[in-house]
C-alpha atoms as a PDB file:
ATOM      1  CA  MET A   1      -6.668  35.201  11.335  1.00  0.00           C
ATOM      2  CA  ILE A   2      -7.306  32.274   8.989  1.00  0.00           C
ATOM      3  CA  TRP A   3      -5.253  29.905  11.142  1.00  0.00           C
ATOM      4  CA  SER A   4      -7.176  30.972  14.247  1.00  0.00           C
ATOM      5  CA  LEU A   5     -10.473  30.191  12.525  1.00  0.00           C
ATOM      6  CA  TYR A   6      -9.102  26.854  11.343  1.00  0.00           C
ATOM      7  CA  ALA A   7      -7.980  26.052  14.905  1.00  0.00           C
ATOM      8  CA  TRP A   8     -11.437  26.867  16.282  1.00  0.00           C
ATOM      9  CA  TYR A   9     -13.072  24.789  13.561  1.00  0.00           C
ATOM     10  CA  THR A  10     -10.708  21.876  14.240  1.00  0.00           C
ATOM     11  CA  GLY A  11     -11.322  22.015  17.989  1.00  0.00           C
ATOM     12  CA  THR A  12     -15.078  22.115  17.521  1.00  0.00           C
ATOM     13  CA  VAL A  13     -15.100  19.161  15.151  1.00  0.00           C
ATOM     14  CA  LEU A  14     -12.703  17.201  17.389  1.00  0.00           C
ATOM     15  CA  TYR A  15     -14.886  17.686  20.438  1.00  0.00           C
ATOM     16  CA  PHE A  16     -18.288  17.048  18.905  1.00  0.00           C
ATOM     17  CA  VAL A  17     -17.331  14.077  16.732  1.00  0.00           C
ATOM     18  CA  GLY A  18     -15.600  12.346  19.646  1.00  0.00           C
ATOM     19  CA  PHE A  19     -18.409  13.226  22.032  1.00  0.00           C
ATOM     20  CA  LYS A  20     -21.204  12.062  19.745  1.00  0.00           C
ATOM     21  CA  ALA A  21     -19.387   8.885  18.731  1.00  0.00           C
ATOM     22  CA  PHE A  22     -19.339   7.659  22.343  1.00  0.00           C
ATOM     23  CA  ASP A  23     -22.429   9.419  23.646  1.00  0.00           C
ATOM     24  CA  THR A  24     -24.330   6.256  24.573  1.00  0.00           C
ATOM     25  CA  ALA A  25     -21.869   3.539  23.578  1.00  0.00           C
ATOM     26  CA  VAL A  26     -21.619   0.398  25.688  1.00  0.00           C
ATOM     27  CA  MET A  27     -18.377  -1.573  25.789  1.00  0.00           C
ATOM     28  CA  LYS A  28     -18.038  -5.380  25.727  1.00  0.00           C
ATOM     29  CA  ASN A  29     -17.812  -5.629  29.503  1.00  0.00           C
ATOM     30  CA  GLY A  30     -21.082  -3.714  29.949  1.00  0.00           C
ATOM     31  CA  LYS A  31     -19.564  -0.424  31.057  1.00  0.00           C
ATOM     32  CA  ILE A  32     -20.901   2.775  29.551  1.00  0.00           C
ATOM     33  CA  ASP A  33     -18.175   4.846  27.998  1.00  0.00           C
ATOM     34  CA  GLY A  34     -17.379   8.155  29.563  1.00  0.00           C
ATOM     35  CA  MET A  35     -15.239  11.193  29.009  1.00  0.00           C
ATOM     36  CA  TRP A  36     -12.001   9.160  28.991  1.00  0.00           C
ATOM     37  CA  THR A  37     -13.035   7.327  25.846  1.00  0.00           C
ATOM     38  CA  MET A  38     -14.194  10.546  24.220  1.00  0.00           C
ATOM     39  CA  GLY A  39     -10.942  12.264  25.181  1.00  0.00           C
ATOM     40  CA  PHE A  40      -8.830   9.427  23.847  1.00  0.00           C
ATOM     41  CA  THR A  41     -10.813   9.433  20.609  1.00  0.00           C
ATOM     42  CA  SER A  42     -10.369  13.191  20.196  1.00  0.00           C
ATOM     43  CA  PHE A  43      -6.651  12.955  20.970  1.00  0.00           C
ATOM     44  CA  SER A  44      -6.069  10.117  18.523  1.00  0.00           C
ATOM     45  CA  ILE A  45      -8.000  12.031  15.846  1.00  0.00           C
ATOM     46  CA  LEU A  46      -5.704  14.977  16.544  1.00  0.00           C
ATOM     47  CA  ILE A  47      -2.638  12.760  16.078  1.00  0.00           C
ATOM     48  CA  PHE A  48      -3.888  11.494  12.712  1.00  0.00           C
ATOM     49  CA  ILE A  49      -4.870  14.990  11.556  1.00  0.00           C
ATOM     50  CA  HIS A  50      -1.482  16.358  12.530  1.00  0.00           C
ATOM     51  CA  HIS A  51       0.297  13.731  10.454  1.00  0.00           C
ATOM     52  CA  ILE A  52      -2.043  14.100   7.474  1.00  0.00           C
ATOM     53  CA  ASN A  53      -1.501  17.873   7.484  1.00  0.00           C
ATOM     54  CA  ILE A  54       2.256  17.320   7.579  1.00  0.00           C
ATOM     55  CA  PHE A  55       1.952  14.912   4.629  1.00  0.00           C
ATOM     56  CA  ILE A  56      -0.021  17.536   2.695  1.00  0.00           C
ATOM     57  CA  GLY A  57       2.332  20.367   3.632  1.00  0.00           C
ATOM     58  CA  THR A  58       5.588  18.648   2.732  1.00  0.00           C
ATOM     59  CA  ARG A  59       6.815  19.807  -0.659  1.00  0.00           C
ATOM     60  CA  ASN A  60      10.144  17.972  -0.948  1.00  0.00           C
ATOM     61  CA  TRP A  61       9.878  14.268  -0.230  1.00  0.00           C
ATOM     62  CA  GLN A  62      12.910  12.109   0.384  1.00  0.00           C
ATOM     63  CA  TRP A  63      13.031   8.555   1.627  1.00  0.00           C
ATOM     64  CA  THR A  64      14.290   9.681   5.067  1.00  0.00           C
ATOM     65  CA  THR A  65      11.374  12.092   5.415  1.00  0.00           C
ATOM     66  CA  PHE A  66       8.895   9.404   4.427  1.00  0.00           C
ATOM     67  CA  VAL A  67      10.350   6.831   6.834  1.00  0.00           C
ATOM     68  CA  THR A  68      10.397   9.351   9.683  1.00  0.00           C
ATOM     69  CA  TYR A  69       6.770  10.360   9.131  1.00  0.00           C
ATOM     70  CA  ILE A  70       5.541   6.784   8.901  1.00  0.00           C
ATOM     71  CA  PHE A  71       7.550   5.738  11.974  1.00  0.00           C
ATOM     72  CA  SER A  72       6.158   8.675  13.939  1.00  0.00           C
ATOM     73  CA  LEU A  73       2.587   7.801  12.971  1.00  0.00           C
ATOM     74  CA  ALA A  74       3.064   4.075  13.571  1.00  0.00           C
ATOM     75  CA  CYS A  75       4.363   4.628  17.100  1.00  0.00           C
ATOM     76  CA  PHE A  76       1.160   6.129  18.488  1.00  0.00           C
ATOM     77  CA  LEU A  77      -1.235   3.172  18.598  1.00  0.00           C
ATOM     78  CA  PRO A  78       1.221   0.557  19.932  1.00  0.00           C
ATOM     79  CA  ILE A  79       2.458   2.945  22.609  1.00  0.00           C
ATOM     80  CA  ALA A  80      -1.126   3.672  23.688  1.00  0.00           C
ATOM     81  CA  VAL A  81      -1.896  -0.039  24.023  1.00  0.00           C
ATOM     82  CA  VAL A  82       1.377  -0.854  25.834  1.00  0.00           C
ATOM     83  CA  LEU A  83       0.980   2.016  28.285  1.00  0.00           C
ATOM     84  CA  ASN A  84      -2.578   0.923  28.926  1.00  0.00           C
ATOM     85  CA  ASP A  85      -1.413  -2.598  29.764  1.00  0.00           C
ATOM     86  CA  ILE A  86       1.249  -1.288  32.150  1.00  0.00           C
ATOM     87  CA  VAL A  87      -1.159   0.948  34.090  1.00  0.00           C
ATOM     88  CA  ASP A  88      -3.543  -0.779  36.485  1.00  0.00           C
ATOM     89  CA  PRO A  89      -6.947  -0.799  34.720  1.00  0.00           C
ATOM     90  CA  SER A  90      -8.808  -0.605  38.028  1.00  0.00           C
ATOM     91  CA  SER A  91      -7.268   2.781  38.711  1.00  0.00           C
ATOM     92  CA  VAL A  92      -9.710   5.628  39.079  1.00  0.00           C
ATOM     93  CA  MET A  93      -7.606   7.814  36.786  1.00  0.00           C
ATOM     94  CA  TYR A  94      -7.976   5.515  33.804  1.00  0.00           C
ATOM     95  CA  GLY A  95     -11.654   4.886  33.229  1.00  0.00           C
ATOM     96  CA  THR A  96     -11.294   3.119  29.907  1.00  0.00           C
ATOM     97  CA  THR A  97      -9.187   0.417  28.395  1.00  0.00           C
ATOM     98  CA  PHE A  98      -7.835   1.644  25.108  1.00  0.00           C
ATOM     99  CA  SER A  99      -7.423  -1.799  23.642  1.00  0.00           C
ATOM    100  CA  GLU A 100     -11.203  -2.252  23.883  1.00  0.00           C
ATOM    101  CA  VAL A 101     -11.786   1.101  22.196  1.00  0.00           C
ATOM    102  CA  PHE A 102      -9.759  -0.013  19.179  1.00  0.00           C
ATOM    103  CA  HIS A 103     -12.249  -2.842  18.591  1.00  0.00           C
ATOM    104  CA  MET A 104     -15.267  -0.540  18.559  1.00  0.00           C
ATOM    105  CA  PRO A 105     -16.528   0.470  15.096  1.00  0.00           C
ATOM    106  CA  ASN A 106     -17.687   3.896  16.258  1.00  0.00           C
ATOM    107  CA  TYR A 107     -14.068   4.748  17.190  1.00  0.00           C
ATOM    108  CA  TRP A 108     -12.888   4.100  13.630  1.00  0.00           C
ATOM    109  CA  LEU A 109     -15.944   5.804  12.155  1.00  0.00           C
ATOM    110  CA  ALA A 110     -15.197   8.878  14.277  1.00  0.00           C
ATOM    111  CA  GLN A 111     -11.605   8.780  12.992  1.00  0.00           C
ATOM    112  CA  VAL A 112     -12.688   8.750   9.350  1.00  0.00           C
ATOM    113  CA  VAL A 113     -15.440  11.353   9.720  1.00  0.00           C
ATOM    114  CA  ALA A 114     -13.363  13.814  11.740  1.00  0.00           C
ATOM    115  CA  CYS A 115     -10.261  13.458   9.568  1.00  0.00           C
ATOM    116  CA  THR A 116     -12.371  14.057   6.475  1.00  0.00           C
ATOM    117  CA  LEU A 117     -14.156  17.077   7.943  1.00  0.00           C
ATOM    118  CA  ILE A 118     -10.934  18.652   9.199  1.00  0.00           C
ATOM    119  CA  VAL A 119      -8.409  17.802   6.495  1.00  0.00           C
ATOM    120  CA  LEU A 120     -10.489  18.568   3.382  1.00  0.00           C
ATOM    121  CA  PRO A 121     -10.785  22.337   4.048  1.00  0.00           C
ATOM    122  CA  TYR A 122      -7.029  22.508   4.679  1.00  0.00           C
ATOM    123  CA  PHE A 123      -6.300  20.536   1.523  1.00  0.00           C
ATOM    124  CA  PHE A 124      -8.554  22.722  -0.637  1.00  0.00           C
ATOM    125  CA  ALA A 125      -7.172  25.938   0.875  1.00  0.00           C
ATOM    126  CA  ARG A 126      -3.608  24.784   0.289  1.00  0.00           C
ATOM    127  CA  SER A 127      -4.377  23.749  -3.291  1.00  0.00           C
ATOM    128  CA  LEU A 128      -6.110  27.057  -3.949  1.00  0.00           C
ATOM    129  CA  LYS A 129      -3.159  28.954  -2.504  1.00  0.00           C
ATOM    130  CA  GLU A 130      -0.679  27.059  -4.644  1.00  0.00           C
ATOM    131  CA  VAL A 131      -2.572  27.335  -7.916  1.00  0.00           C
ATOM    132  CA  VAL A 132      -4.368  30.679  -7.708  1.00  0.00           C
ATOM    133  CA  ALA A 133      -2.154  32.792  -5.467  1.00  0.00           C
ATOM    134  CA  ASN A 134       1.131  31.625  -7.019  1.00  0.00           C
ATOM    135  CA  PRO A 135       0.477  31.044 -10.725  1.00  0.00           C
ATOM    136  CA  HIS A 136       4.018  32.137 -11.584  1.00  0.00           C
ATOM    137  CA  LEU A 137       5.330  28.936 -10.021  1.00  0.00           C
ATOM    138  CA  TYR A 138       3.398  26.807 -12.460  1.00  0.00           C
ATOM    139  CA  THR A 139       3.831  28.926 -15.569  1.00  0.00           C
ATOM    140  CA  SER A 140       7.592  29.302 -15.053  1.00  0.00           C
ATOM    141  CA  VAL A 141       7.918  25.530 -14.774  1.00  0.00           C
ATOM    142  CA  ALA A 142       5.909  25.068 -17.969  1.00  0.00           C
ATOM    143  CA  ILE A 143       8.052  27.656 -19.808  1.00  0.00           C
ATOM    144  CA  ALA A 144      11.280  26.074 -18.570  1.00  0.00           C
ATOM    145  CA  GLU A 145      10.122  22.662 -19.724  1.00  0.00           C
ATOM    146  CA  ALA A 146       9.154  24.078 -23.121  1.00  0.00           C
ATOM    147  CA  LYS A 147      12.608  25.656 -23.480  1.00  0.00           C
ATOM    148  CA  GLU A 148      14.259  22.337 -22.790  1.00  0.00           C
ATOM    149  CA  LYS A 149      12.379  20.574 -25.570  1.00  0.00           C
ATOM    150  CA  VAL A 150      14.504  20.332 -28.692  1.00  0.00           C
ATOM    151  CA  MET A 151      13.259  19.746 -32.203  1.00  0.00           C
ATOM    152  CA  TYR A 152      15.749  18.167 -34.572  1.00  0.00           C
ATOM    153  CA  VAL A 153      15.642  19.624 -38.084  1.00  0.00           C
ATOM    154  CA  PRO A 154      18.057  18.161 -40.628  1.00  0.00           C
ATOM    155  CA  SER A 155      19.771  20.928 -42.616  1.00  0.00           C
ATOM    156  CA  LYS A 156      21.937  18.650 -44.791  1.00  0.00           C
ATOM    157  CA  PRO A 157      21.863  14.947 -45.388  1.00  0.00           C
ATOM    158  CA  ASN A 158      23.619  12.989 -42.608  1.00  0.00           C
ATOM    159  CA  GLN A 159      23.632  16.083 -40.373  1.00  0.00           C
ATOM    160  CA  VAL A 160      21.212  17.116 -37.619  1.00  0.00           C
ATOM    161  CA  ALA A 161      20.774  20.661 -36.300  1.00  0.00           C
ATOM    162  CA  ALA A 162      19.023  21.484 -33.059  1.00  0.00           C
ATOM    163  CA  LYS A 163      16.388  24.145 -32.811  1.00  0.00           C
ATOM    164  CA  VAL A 164      14.852  25.208 -29.510  1.00  0.00           C
ATOM    165  CA  LEU A 165      11.114  25.554 -29.468  1.00  0.00           C
ATOM    166  CA  PRO A 166       9.826  28.969 -28.358  1.00  0.00           C
ATOM    167  CA  PRO A 167       7.944  29.021 -25.066  1.00  0.00           C
ATOM    168  CA  THR A 168       4.230  28.672 -25.440  1.00  0.00           C
ATOM    169  CA  PRO A 169       2.091  31.366 -23.837  1.00  0.00           C
ATOM    170  CA  SER A 170       0.070  30.146 -20.898  1.00  0.00           C
ATOM    171  CA  THR A 171      -3.664  30.359 -21.087  1.00  0.00           C
END
């Protein structure tokens, strides 16, 4: 149920932020932006949100995971520009040139605003779940670390004995 509400919230924010960002925008060549620009903006916001949520959700980071995530994210914008250059811009199907959209400040503002509005609730919910719903994960780690600490107490001259500290109760 929670994920369904989050999906509806995400879809609503994606649509309205993209739609309002290019509601009355005029491009450099004098054309008024239409639904293609709004759709591309919403789709690119979705790509960034997907990757940010994966970054937040990954618990075990390795260098291969990091490189794969960054490569996947870095492929989107160049592929969009290259595919736009291959397709005939006078085609009726493609009403916008994506390379022009990248130079518009309202595109980047829509990216920042939508990513912030969509990712922050997910981040706070995930943090709340990890800290409040699973406190045993954090207290067991603290107890294990306290057990590993060793205090050296000399019992005789030139001799050192090890004494394990008792675990501290969590507050």
